[in-house]
C-alpha atoms as a PDB file:
ATOM      1  CA  MET A   1       0.308  -0.087   0.020  1.00  0.00           C
ATOM      2  CA  LYS A   2       2.980   1.691   0.904  1.00  0.00           C
ATOM      3  CA  LYS A   3       4.585   1.298  -2.108  1.00  0.00           C
ATOM      4  CA  THR A   4       1.217   1.858  -4.433  1.00  0.00           C
ATOM      5  CA  PHE A   5       0.677   5.762  -2.551  1.00  0.00           C
ATOM      6  CA  ALA A   6       4.252   6.750  -3.100  1.00  0.00           C
ATOM      7  CA  ILE A   7       3.502   6.112  -6.735  1.00  0.00           C
ATOM      8  CA  ALA A   8      -0.019   7.889  -7.838  1.00  0.00           C
ATOM      9  CA  THR A   9       2.003  10.209  -5.539  1.00  0.00           C
ATOM     10  CA  LEU A  10       4.418  10.879  -7.430  1.00  0.00           C
ATOM     11  CA  ALA A  11       2.533  10.385 -11.126  1.00  0.00           C
ATOM     12  CA  ALA A  12      -0.546  13.561  -9.299  1.00  0.00           C
ATOM     13  CA  ALA A  13       3.144  15.149  -8.754  1.00  0.00           C
ATOM     14  CA  THR A  14       4.403  14.942 -12.820  1.00  0.00           C
ATOM     15  CA  LEU A  15       0.865  15.217 -14.337  1.00  0.00           C
ATOM     16  CA  MET A  16       0.802  18.758 -12.716  1.00  0.00           C
ATOM     17  CA  GLY A  17       3.136  19.866 -15.310  1.00  0.00           C
ATOM     18  CA  ALA A  18       6.165  20.145 -12.610  1.00  0.00           C
ATOM     19  CA  VAL A  19       9.101  21.494 -14.490  1.00  0.00           C
ATOM     20  CA  SER A  20      12.814  21.716 -12.996  1.00  0.00           C
ATOM     21  CA  PHE A  21      15.427  24.387 -14.072  1.00  0.00           C
ATOM     22  CA  ALA A  22      18.281  22.360 -13.338  1.00  0.00           C
ATOM     23  CA  SER A  23      20.582  22.438 -15.869  1.00  0.00           C
ATOM     24  CA  ALA A  24      20.779  19.611 -18.221  1.00  0.00           C
ATOM     25  CA  GLN A  25      24.568  18.749 -18.019  1.00  0.00           C
ATOM     26  CA  ASP A  26      23.392  17.948 -14.467  1.00  0.00           C
ATOM     27  CA  LEU A  27      20.847  15.984 -14.728  1.00  0.00           C
ATOM     28  CA  PRO A  28      20.962  12.042 -14.953  1.00  0.00           C
ATOM     29  CA  SER A  29      21.329   9.845 -18.514  1.00  0.00           C
ATOM     30  CA  VAL A  30      17.875   9.072 -19.178  1.00  0.00           C
ATOM     31  CA  GLU A  31      18.676   5.161 -18.706  1.00  0.00           C
ATOM     32  CA  ASP A  32      20.145   6.210 -14.465  1.00  0.00           C
ATOM     33  CA  THR A  33      17.037   8.216 -14.375  1.00  0.00           C
ATOM     34  CA  TYR A  34      14.995   5.192 -14.918  1.00  0.00           C
ATOM     35  CA  LYS A  35      16.720   3.492 -12.293  1.00  0.00           C
ATOM     36  CA  ASP A  36      16.555   5.508  -9.669  1.00  0.00           C
ATOM     37  CA  ILE A  37      13.110   5.711 -10.339  1.00  0.00           C
ATOM     38  CA  GLU A  38      12.657   2.423 -10.623  1.00  0.00           C
ATOM     39  CA  ALA A  39      14.943   2.573  -6.497  1.00  0.00           C
ATOM     40  CA  THR A  40      12.812   3.888  -4.890  1.00  0.00           C
ATOM     41  CA  PHE A  41       9.529   3.083  -6.719  1.00  0.00           C
ATOM     42  CA  GLY A  42       9.628  -0.321  -7.571  1.00  0.00           C
ATOM     43  CA  VAL A  43       9.131  -0.058 -11.291  1.00  0.00           C
ATOM     44  CA  VAL A  44       9.368   2.716 -13.614  1.00  0.00           C
ATOM     45  CA  PRO A  45       5.689   4.873 -14.226  1.00  0.00           C
ATOM     46  CA  GLY A  46       4.482   4.750 -17.823  1.00  0.00           C
ATOM     47  CA  HIS A  47       4.150   7.916 -17.818  1.00  0.00           C
ATOM     48  CA  PHE A  48       8.038   9.143 -17.064  1.00  0.00           C
ATOM     49  CA  LYS A  49       8.481   6.375 -20.097  1.00  0.00           C
ATOM     50  CA  SER A  50       6.532   8.314 -22.051  1.00  0.00           C
ATOM     51  CA  TYR A  51       7.752  11.740 -21.053  1.00  0.00           C
ATOM     52  CA  PRO A  52      10.705  13.582 -23.608  1.00  0.00           C
ATOM     53  CA  PRO A  53      13.484  12.042 -23.169  1.00  0.00           C
ATOM     54  CA  THR A  54      15.488  15.593 -22.649  1.00  0.00           C
ATOM     55  CA  GLY A  55      12.784  16.283 -19.755  1.00  0.00           C
ATOM     56  CA  VAL A  56      12.567  13.336 -17.301  1.00  0.00           C
ATOM     57  CA  ALA A  57      15.884  13.780 -15.423  1.00  0.00           C
ATOM     58  CA  GLY A  58      14.273  17.697 -14.292  1.00  0.00           C
ATOM     59  CA  ALA A  59      11.124  16.175 -13.602  1.00  0.00           C
ATOM     60  CA  TRP A  60      12.370  13.078 -11.856  1.00  0.00           C
ATOM     61  CA  ALA A  61      14.395  15.084  -9.551  1.00  0.00           C
ATOM     62  CA  MET A  62      10.867  17.360  -8.844  1.00  0.00           C
ATOM     63  CA  THR A  63       8.815  14.912  -8.499  1.00  0.00           C
ATOM     64  CA  LYS A  64      11.357  13.652  -6.003  1.00  0.00           C
ATOM     65  CA  GLY A  65      12.699  16.352  -3.801  1.00  0.00           C
ATOM     66  CA  LEU A  66       9.149  17.442  -2.855  1.00  0.00           C
ATOM     67  CA  VAL A  67       7.522  13.375  -3.011  1.00  0.00           C
ATOM     68  CA  VAL A  68      10.139  11.890  -0.966  1.00  0.00           C
ATOM     69  CA  ASP A  69      12.515  14.067  -0.156  1.00  0.00           C
ATOM     70  CA  PRO A  70      12.779  13.514   4.498  1.00  0.00           C
ATOM     71  CA  ALA A  71      13.604  16.903   4.542  1.00  0.00           C
ATOM     72  CA  ASN A  72       9.451  17.758   3.544  1.00  0.00           C
ATOM     73  CA  LYS A  73       7.827  20.030   5.565  1.00  0.00           C
ATOM     74  CA  LEU A  74       3.889  18.545   4.618  1.00  0.00           C
ATOM     75  CA  GLU A  75       2.388  15.338   5.859  1.00  0.00           C
ATOM     76  CA  PRO A  76       1.706  13.372   3.050  1.00  0.00           C
ATOM     77  CA  LYS A  77      -2.651  13.513   4.064  1.00  0.00           C
ATOM     78  CA  VAL A  78      -1.745  17.625   3.896  1.00  0.00           C
ATOM     79  CA  LYS A  79      -0.049  16.779   0.739  1.00  0.00           C
ATOM     80  CA  SER A  80      -2.783  14.441  -1.092  1.00  0.00           C
ATOM     81  CA  LEU A  81      -5.582  17.396  -0.360  1.00  0.00           C
ATOM     82  CA  ILE A  82      -3.081  20.334  -1.073  1.00  0.00           C
ATOM     83  CA  GLY A  83      -3.690  18.160  -4.776  1.00  0.00           C
ATOM     84  CA  LEU A  84      -7.014  17.437  -4.781  1.00  0.00           C
ATOM     85  CA  ALA A  85      -7.578  20.420  -4.381  1.00  0.00           C
ATOM     86  CA  VAL A  86      -5.531  22.257  -7.301  1.00  0.00           C
ATOM     87  CA  ALA A  87      -6.458  18.743  -9.060  1.00  0.00           C
ATOM     88  CA  ALA A  88     -10.313  19.808  -9.039  1.00  0.00           C
ATOM     89  CA  GLN A  89      -9.667  23.232 -10.278  1.00  0.00           C
ATOM     90  CA  ILE A  90      -7.357  22.485 -13.117  1.00  0.00           C
ATOM     91  CA  PRO A  91      -9.432  19.442 -13.698  1.00  0.00           C
ATOM     92  CA  CYS A  92      -7.512  17.214 -14.186  1.00  0.00           C
ATOM     93  CA  GLN A  93      -9.379  13.272 -14.021  1.00  0.00           C
ATOM     94  CA  TYR A  94      -5.876  11.358 -13.719  1.00  0.00           C
ATOM     95  CA  CYS A  95      -4.591  13.814 -10.136  1.00  0.00           C
ATOM     96  CA  ILE A  96      -7.924  13.877  -8.649  1.00  0.00           C
ATOM     97  CA  TRP A  97      -8.309  10.288  -9.458  1.00  0.00           C
ATOM     98  CA  LEU A  98      -4.856   9.695  -7.482  1.00  0.00           C
ATOM     99  CA  GLU A  99      -4.416  12.450  -4.808  1.00  0.00           C
ATOM    100  CA  THR A 100      -7.852  10.812  -3.778  1.00  0.00           C
ATOM    101  CA  LYS A 101      -6.583   7.297  -2.919  1.00  0.00           C
ATOM    102  CA  PHE A 102      -3.548   9.023  -2.435  1.00  0.00           C
ATOM    103  CA  ALA A 103      -5.176  11.485   0.509  1.00  0.00           C
ATOM    104  CA  LYS A 104      -7.100   7.920   1.950  1.00  0.00           C
ATOM    105  CA  VAL A 105      -4.445   6.133   2.134  1.00  0.00           C
ATOM    106  CA  ALA A 106      -2.225   8.650   3.797  1.00  0.00           C
ATOM    107  CA  GLY A 107      -4.659   8.241   6.110  1.00  0.00           C
ATOM    108  CA  ALA A 108      -7.485  11.524   5.689  1.00  0.00           C
ATOM    109  CA  THR A 109     -11.338  11.018   5.660  1.00  0.00           C
ATOM    110  CA  ASP A 110     -14.340  11.880   3.176  1.00  0.00           C
ATOM    111  CA  GLU A 111     -15.045  14.572   4.626  1.00  0.00           C
ATOM    112  CA  GLU A 112     -11.477  15.521   4.706  1.00  0.00           C
ATOM    113  CA  VAL A 113     -11.705  14.813   0.643  1.00  0.00           C
ATOM    114  CA  ALA A 114     -15.299  16.870   0.623  1.00  0.00           C
ATOM    115  CA  GLU A 115     -13.034  19.544   2.861  1.00  0.00           C
ATOM    116  CA  ALA A 116     -11.417  20.252   0.973  1.00  0.00           C
ATOM    117  CA  VAL A 117     -12.407  20.223  -2.760  1.00  0.00           C
ATOM    118  CA  ALA A 118     -14.441  22.293  -0.897  1.00  0.00           C
ATOM    119  CA  GLN A 119     -12.453  24.898  -0.171  1.00  0.00           C
ATOM    120  CA  ALA A 120     -11.156  24.733  -3.967  1.00  0.00           C
ATOM    121  CA  ALA A 121     -14.198  25.829  -4.757  1.00  0.00           C
ATOM    122  CA  TYR A 122     -14.911  28.762  -2.412  1.00  0.00           C
ATOM    123  CA  VAL A 123     -11.288  30.274  -2.844  1.00  0.00           C
ATOM    124  CA  ARG A 124     -12.338  30.111  -6.680  1.00  0.00           C
ATOM    125  CA  HIS A 125     -15.693  31.586  -7.077  1.00  0.00           C
ATOM    126  CA  TRP A 126     -14.042  34.604  -4.641  1.00  0.00           C
ATOM    127  CA  SER A 127     -10.974  34.277  -6.722  1.00  0.00           C
ATOM    128  CA  THR A 128     -14.379  34.920  -9.899  1.00  0.00           C
ATOM    129  CA  TYR A 129     -16.248  37.801  -7.928  1.00  0.00           C
ATOM    130  CA  LEU A 130     -13.385  39.958  -6.803  1.00  0.00           C
ATOM    131  CA  ASN A 131     -11.355  39.907  -9.932  1.00  0.00           C
ATOM    132  CA  GLY A 132     -15.121  39.977 -12.458  1.00  0.00           C
ATOM    133  CA  MET A 133     -15.551  42.635 -10.545  1.00  0.00           C
ATOM    134  CA  GLN A 134     -12.658  44.902  -9.739  1.00  0.00           C
ATOM    135  CA  VAL A 135     -12.850  45.147  -6.533  1.00  0.00           C
ATOM    136  CA  ASP A 136      -9.591  47.361  -5.771  1.00  0.00           C
ATOM    137  CA  PHE A 137      -6.723  45.482  -4.004  1.00  0.00           C
ATOM    138  CA  GLU A 138      -5.535  48.175  -2.554  1.00  0.00           C
ATOM    139  CA  THR A 139      -8.891  48.337  -0.740  1.00  0.00           C
ATOM    140  CA  PHE A 140      -9.387  44.517  -0.113  1.00  0.00           C
ATOM    141  CA  LYS A 141      -5.851  44.265   1.455  1.00  0.00           C
ATOM    142  CA  THR A 142      -7.165  47.904   3.950  1.00  0.00           C
ATOM    143  CA  GLU A 143     -10.372  46.042   4.777  1.00  0.00           C
ATOM    144  CA  PHE A 144      -7.939  42.161   5.647  1.00  0.00           C
ATOM    145  CA  GLY A 145      -5.579  44.817   8.102  1.00  0.00           C
ATOM    146  CA  GLY A 146      -3.672  46.356   5.244  1.00  0.00           C
ATOM    147  CA  ASP A 147      -0.225  43.769   4.492  1.00  0.00           C
END
């Protein structure tokens, strides 16, 4: 189950289009990248195999850093609930499916999943209204206590 959680989180992070800014000469070869992915997750997911060879090492470096680095501050459940909220707004059916699955594997309840999606809807609602009405940003900030 831990392996499945890791693979899904990896897939979701990659599918959300994150980009690594490391230079090509600092990155391992495609073959070494695949070996590292397999050593980490037990499999090289298809979306990594289909990723452009010139970008797969950078995509893996970013994904590995955000998903499995022990220095990360956010717990897996929180990361998945954030990912789910973002995925619901994009929308990305792959990410929604994976992040929901992994949030639950990490201990999220159905109520927490629903609240994360509702939070995304709430932010999207007010963003649409505030931007559409061209509410003055400086006035808005002042109304909520300034900087």
